[in-house]
């Protein structure tokens, strides 16, 4: 019984219907639990991050496990914004049972218009993921961050 988690057996996987990639097989261990849902989608509690560009490369898709929508395109803002230092509220950190800041993954929901160079990131309301326990919360930061941060302007200037 002790070694049950070691093997990646078929029952550890489920097939989900995605918005942009048809049916995808995912590992149950990759499901992230959102106890409060996401703003505007409070009933959607289970998501998975899909990385079509390879291991955790932005952009990634935050896909509902239980239906094709909601699905959000997300970026890791810390990869693009050097001085971004979100300080989530303690209530949010306790909701996701965070014990060690090393276990945090920060994701920002992107709005990608037809001209993708005008992509913006919501860095005011990031998603804070406890990577160890697979629990996440969308938070509103007290700091004065932009809800429509222009992603490609930040890359161009560097």
C-alpha atoms as a PDB file:
ATOM      1  CA  UNK A   1       0.000   0.000   0.000  1.00  0.00           C
ATOM      2  CA  UNK A   2       2.785   2.446   0.822  1.00  0.00           C
ATOM      3  CA  UNK A   3       4.157   2.620  -2.706  1.00  0.00           C
ATOM      4  CA  UNK A   4       0.801   3.354  -4.331  1.00  0.00           C
ATOM      5  CA  UNK A   5       1.743   6.887  -5.358  1.00  0.00           C
ATOM      6  CA  UNK A   6       4.970   5.804  -6.984  1.00  0.00           C
ATOM      7  CA  UNK A   7       3.407   4.274 -10.091  1.00  0.00           C
ATOM      8  CA  UNK A   8       1.596   6.385 -12.654  1.00  0.00           C
ATOM      9  CA  UNK A   9      -1.299   4.021 -13.190  1.00  0.00           C
ATOM     10  CA  UNK A  10      -4.260   4.685 -15.448  1.00  0.00           C
ATOM     11  CA  UNK A  11      -6.545   5.603 -12.549  1.00  0.00           C
ATOM     12  CA  UNK A  12      -4.213   8.510 -11.726  1.00  0.00           C
ATOM     13  CA  UNK A  13      -5.185  10.066 -15.057  1.00  0.00           C
ATOM     14  CA  UNK A  14      -8.399  11.596 -16.296  1.00  0.00           C
ATOM     15  CA  UNK A  15      -9.435  12.955 -19.674  1.00  0.00           C
ATOM     16  CA  UNK A  16     -10.791  16.478 -19.737  1.00  0.00           C
ATOM     17  CA  UNK A  17     -12.374  18.532 -22.506  1.00  0.00           C
ATOM     18  CA  UNK A  18     -10.426  21.733 -23.040  1.00  0.00           C
ATOM     19  CA  UNK A  19     -11.449  24.964 -24.733  1.00  0.00           C
ATOM     20  CA  UNK A  20      -8.488  25.141 -27.129  1.00  0.00           C
ATOM     21  CA  UNK A  21      -6.868  21.693 -27.279  1.00  0.00           C
ATOM     22  CA  UNK A  22      -9.713  19.185 -27.536  1.00  0.00           C
ATOM     23  CA  UNK A  23      -9.534  16.253 -25.155  1.00  0.00           C
ATOM     24  CA  UNK A  24      -6.422  16.098 -22.990  1.00  0.00           C
ATOM     25  CA  UNK A  25      -5.307  13.437 -20.564  1.00  0.00           C
ATOM     26  CA  UNK A  26      -4.081  14.938 -17.323  1.00  0.00           C
ATOM     27  CA  UNK A  27      -2.717  13.523 -14.116  1.00  0.00           C
ATOM     28  CA  UNK A  28      -5.021  13.884 -11.115  1.00  0.00           C
ATOM     29  CA  UNK A  29      -1.966  15.035  -9.171  1.00  0.00           C
ATOM     30  CA  UNK A  30      -1.782  18.124 -11.414  1.00  0.00           C
ATOM     31  CA  UNK A  31      -5.244  19.402 -10.486  1.00  0.00           C
ATOM     32  CA  UNK A  32      -5.156  22.669  -8.553  1.00  0.00           C
ATOM     33  CA  UNK A  33      -7.946  23.286  -6.076  1.00  0.00           C
ATOM     34  CA  UNK A  34      -9.413  26.828  -5.925  1.00  0.00           C
ATOM     35  CA  UNK A  35     -11.578  26.871  -2.759  1.00  0.00           C
ATOM     36  CA  UNK A  36     -12.986  30.319  -3.708  1.00  0.00           C
ATOM     37  CA  UNK A  37     -12.974  29.830  -7.478  1.00  0.00           C
ATOM     38  CA  UNK A  38     -11.732  32.673  -9.680  1.00  0.00           C
ATOM     39  CA  UNK A  39     -13.296  36.152  -9.755  1.00  0.00           C
ATOM     40  CA  UNK A  40     -16.459  35.896 -11.837  1.00  0.00           C
ATOM     41  CA  UNK A  41     -16.246  32.080 -11.816  1.00  0.00           C
ATOM     42  CA  UNK A  42     -16.656  31.287  -8.132  1.00  0.00           C
ATOM     43  CA  UNK A  43     -18.262  27.897  -8.893  1.00  0.00           C
ATOM     44  CA  UNK A  44     -15.215  26.643 -10.794  1.00  0.00           C
ATOM     45  CA  UNK A  45     -13.039  25.047  -8.149  1.00  0.00           C
ATOM     46  CA  UNK A  46     -10.700  22.694 -10.048  1.00  0.00           C
ATOM     47  CA  UNK A  47      -8.198  23.766 -12.670  1.00  0.00           C
ATOM     48  CA  UNK A  48      -5.138  22.410 -14.391  1.00  0.00           C
ATOM     49  CA  UNK A  49      -2.278  24.323 -15.988  1.00  0.00           C
ATOM     50  CA  UNK A  50      -1.576  23.242 -19.581  1.00  0.00           C
ATOM     51  CA  UNK A  51       1.840  24.187 -20.991  1.00  0.00           C
ATOM     52  CA  UNK A  52       1.716  23.706 -24.764  1.00  0.00           C
ATOM     53  CA  UNK A  53       5.085  25.460 -25.177  1.00  0.00           C
ATOM     54  CA  UNK A  54       6.840  23.069 -22.839  1.00  0.00           C
ATOM     55  CA  UNK A  55       7.494  22.836 -19.162  1.00  0.00           C
ATOM     56  CA  UNK A  56       5.894  25.858 -17.483  1.00  0.00           C
ATOM     57  CA  UNK A  57       6.768  28.217 -20.341  1.00  0.00           C
ATOM     58  CA  UNK A  58       4.453  31.217 -20.681  1.00  0.00           C
ATOM     59  CA  UNK A  59       1.845  31.501 -21.998  1.00  0.00           C
ATOM     60  CA  UNK A  60       0.081  28.670 -20.226  1.00  0.00           C
ATOM     61  CA  UNK A  61      -3.590  27.769 -20.129  1.00  0.00           C
ATOM     62  CA  UNK A  62      -5.427  27.628 -16.807  1.00  0.00           C
ATOM     63  CA  UNK A  63      -8.179  25.219 -17.809  1.00  0.00           C
ATOM     64  CA  UNK A  64     -11.216  24.218 -15.765  1.00  0.00           C
ATOM     65  CA  UNK A  65     -11.155  20.486 -15.153  1.00  0.00           C
ATOM     66  CA  UNK A  66     -14.935  20.177 -15.049  1.00  0.00           C
ATOM     67  CA  UNK A  67     -15.917  21.968 -18.266  1.00  0.00           C
ATOM     68  CA  UNK A  68     -14.377  23.660 -21.308  1.00  0.00           C
ATOM     69  CA  UNK A  69     -14.952  27.092 -19.761  1.00  0.00           C
ATOM     70  CA  UNK A  70     -13.660  28.925 -17.901  1.00  0.00           C
ATOM     71  CA  UNK A  71     -10.216  28.795 -19.426  1.00  0.00           C
ATOM     72  CA  UNK A  72      -7.668  31.568 -18.940  1.00  0.00           C
ATOM     73  CA  UNK A  73      -4.362  32.276 -20.601  1.00  0.00           C
ATOM     74  CA  UNK A  74      -1.824  32.946 -17.872  1.00  0.00           C
ATOM     75  CA  UNK A  75       1.756  34.120 -17.658  1.00  0.00           C
ATOM     76  CA  UNK A  76       4.308  33.951 -14.872  1.00  0.00           C
ATOM     77  CA  UNK A  77       4.719  37.682 -14.242  1.00  0.00           C
ATOM     78  CA  UNK A  78       7.963  37.245 -12.313  1.00  0.00           C
ATOM     79  CA  UNK A  79       9.571  36.048 -15.567  1.00  0.00           C
ATOM     80  CA  UNK A  80       8.790  39.387 -17.220  1.00  0.00           C
ATOM     81  CA  UNK A  81       8.561  42.039 -14.493  1.00  0.00           C
ATOM     82  CA  UNK A  82      11.771  42.247 -12.521  1.00  0.00           C
ATOM     83  CA  UNK A  83      10.509  44.542  -9.752  1.00  0.00           C
ATOM     84  CA  UNK A  84       7.187  42.727  -9.229  1.00  0.00           C
ATOM     85  CA  UNK A  85       6.917  41.665  -5.593  1.00  0.00           C
ATOM     86  CA  UNK A  86       3.333  40.705  -4.738  1.00  0.00           C
ATOM     87  CA  UNK A  87       2.518  40.462  -1.036  1.00  0.00           C
ATOM     88  CA  UNK A  88      -0.718  38.471  -0.737  1.00  0.00           C
ATOM     89  CA  UNK A  89      -2.886  38.974   2.331  1.00  0.00           C
ATOM     90  CA  UNK A  90      -2.319  36.556   5.195  1.00  0.00           C
ATOM     91  CA  UNK A  91      -5.929  35.362   4.846  1.00  0.00           C
ATOM     92  CA  UNK A  92      -5.175  34.235   1.312  1.00  0.00           C
ATOM     93  CA  UNK A  93      -1.948  32.516   2.342  1.00  0.00           C
ATOM     94  CA  UNK A  94      -3.742  30.621   5.094  1.00  0.00           C
ATOM     95  CA  UNK A  95      -6.572  29.661   2.700  1.00  0.00           C
ATOM     96  CA  UNK A  96      -4.025  27.919   0.467  1.00  0.00           C
ATOM     97  CA  UNK A  97      -2.285  26.424   3.544  1.00  0.00           C
ATOM     98  CA  UNK A  98       1.039  27.994   2.623  1.00  0.00           C
ATOM     99  CA  UNK A  99       3.842  27.205   5.031  1.00  0.00           C
ATOM    100  CA  UNK A 100       6.888  28.064   2.945  1.00  0.00           C
ATOM    101  CA  UNK A 101       7.173  30.998   0.500  1.00  0.00           C
ATOM    102  CA  UNK A 102       9.370  28.756  -1.674  1.00  0.00           C
ATOM    103  CA  UNK A 103       6.195  26.841  -2.585  1.00  0.00           C
ATOM    104  CA  UNK A 104       4.512  29.895  -4.174  1.00  0.00           C
ATOM    105  CA  UNK A 105       3.870  30.116  -7.891  1.00  0.00           C
ATOM    106  CA  UNK A 106       2.429  33.417  -9.124  1.00  0.00           C
ATOM    107  CA  UNK A 107       0.273  33.493 -12.261  1.00  0.00           C
ATOM    108  CA  UNK A 108      -1.368  36.472 -13.950  1.00  0.00           C
ATOM    109  CA  UNK A 109      -4.383  36.257 -16.208  1.00  0.00           C
ATOM    110  CA  UNK A 110      -3.695  37.729 -19.647  1.00  0.00           C
ATOM    111  CA  UNK A 111      -5.984  39.520 -22.040  1.00  0.00           C
ATOM    112  CA  UNK A 112      -4.749  38.812 -25.561  1.00  0.00           C
ATOM    113  CA  UNK A 113      -6.344  40.948 -28.285  1.00  0.00           C
ATOM    114  CA  UNK A 114      -6.083  40.240 -31.990  1.00  0.00           C
ATOM    115  CA  UNK A 115      -2.846  42.219 -32.062  1.00  0.00           C
ATOM    116  CA  UNK A 116      -1.017  40.045 -29.546  1.00  0.00           C
ATOM    117  CA  UNK A 117       1.579  42.809 -29.006  1.00  0.00           C
ATOM    118  CA  UNK A 118      -1.131  44.620 -27.030  1.00  0.00           C
ATOM    119  CA  UNK A 119      -1.432  41.739 -24.551  1.00  0.00           C
ATOM    120  CA  UNK A 120      -1.990  42.882 -20.979  1.00  0.00           C
ATOM    121  CA  UNK A 121      -1.529  41.080 -17.674  1.00  0.00           C
ATOM    122  CA  UNK A 122      -3.626  41.596 -14.576  1.00  0.00           C
ATOM    123  CA  UNK A 123      -0.820  41.960 -12.021  1.00  0.00           C
ATOM    124  CA  UNK A 124      -3.135  43.602  -9.460  1.00  0.00           C
ATOM    125  CA  UNK A 125      -5.107  40.351  -8.959  1.00  0.00           C
ATOM    126  CA  UNK A 126      -2.612  37.513  -9.365  1.00  0.00           C
ATOM    127  CA  UNK A 127      -3.303  33.860  -8.751  1.00  0.00           C
ATOM    128  CA  UNK A 128      -1.190  32.555  -5.895  1.00  0.00           C
ATOM    129  CA  UNK A 129      -0.580  28.802  -6.099  1.00  0.00           C
ATOM    130  CA  UNK A 130       0.720  26.605  -3.309  1.00  0.00           C
ATOM    131  CA  UNK A 131       2.692  24.248  -5.571  1.00  0.00           C
ATOM    132  CA  UNK A 132       3.249  21.682  -2.833  1.00  0.00           C
ATOM    133  CA  UNK A 133      -0.395  21.206  -1.833  1.00  0.00           C
ATOM    134  CA  UNK A 134      -1.953  22.228  -5.205  1.00  0.00           C
ATOM    135  CA  UNK A 135      -4.268  24.879  -3.721  1.00  0.00           C
ATOM    136  CA  UNK A 136      -4.682  28.358  -5.209  1.00  0.00           C
ATOM    137  CA  UNK A 137      -6.428  31.660  -4.667  1.00  0.00           C
ATOM    138  CA  UNK A 138      -6.906  34.743  -6.774  1.00  0.00           C
ATOM    139  CA  UNK A 139      -6.064  37.716  -4.628  1.00  0.00           C
ATOM    140  CA  UNK A 140      -6.304  41.501  -4.870  1.00  0.00           C
ATOM    141  CA  UNK A 141      -3.026  43.061  -3.822  1.00  0.00           C
ATOM    142  CA  UNK A 142      -2.876  46.174  -1.655  1.00  0.00           C
ATOM    143  CA  UNK A 143       0.078  47.387  -3.679  1.00  0.00           C
ATOM    144  CA  UNK A 144      -0.582  49.752  -6.554  1.00  0.00           C
ATOM    145  CA  UNK A 145      -0.198  47.339  -9.468  1.00  0.00           C
ATOM    146  CA  UNK A 146      -1.828  47.574 -12.880  1.00  0.00           C
ATOM    147  CA  UNK A 147      -4.810  45.439 -13.902  1.00  0.00           C
ATOM    148  CA  UNK A 148      -3.786  45.978 -17.551  1.00  0.00           C
ATOM    149  CA  UNK A 149      -0.017  45.778 -17.487  1.00  0.00           C
ATOM    150  CA  UNK A 150       1.312  45.900 -21.100  1.00  0.00           C
ATOM    151  CA  UNK A 151       3.347  42.719 -21.385  1.00  0.00           C
ATOM    152  CA  UNK A 152       5.284  43.391 -24.581  1.00  0.00           C
ATOM    153  CA  UNK A 153       6.220  46.938 -23.632  1.00  0.00           C
ATOM    154  CA  UNK A 154       7.987  45.502 -20.602  1.00  0.00           C
ATOM    155  CA  UNK A 155       9.929  43.031 -22.757  1.00  0.00           C
ATOM    156  CA  UNK A 156      10.870  45.626 -25.372  1.00  0.00           C
ATOM    157  CA  UNK A 157      12.362  48.037 -22.845  1.00  0.00           C
ATOM    158  CA  UNK A 158      14.772  45.519 -21.336  1.00  0.00           C
END
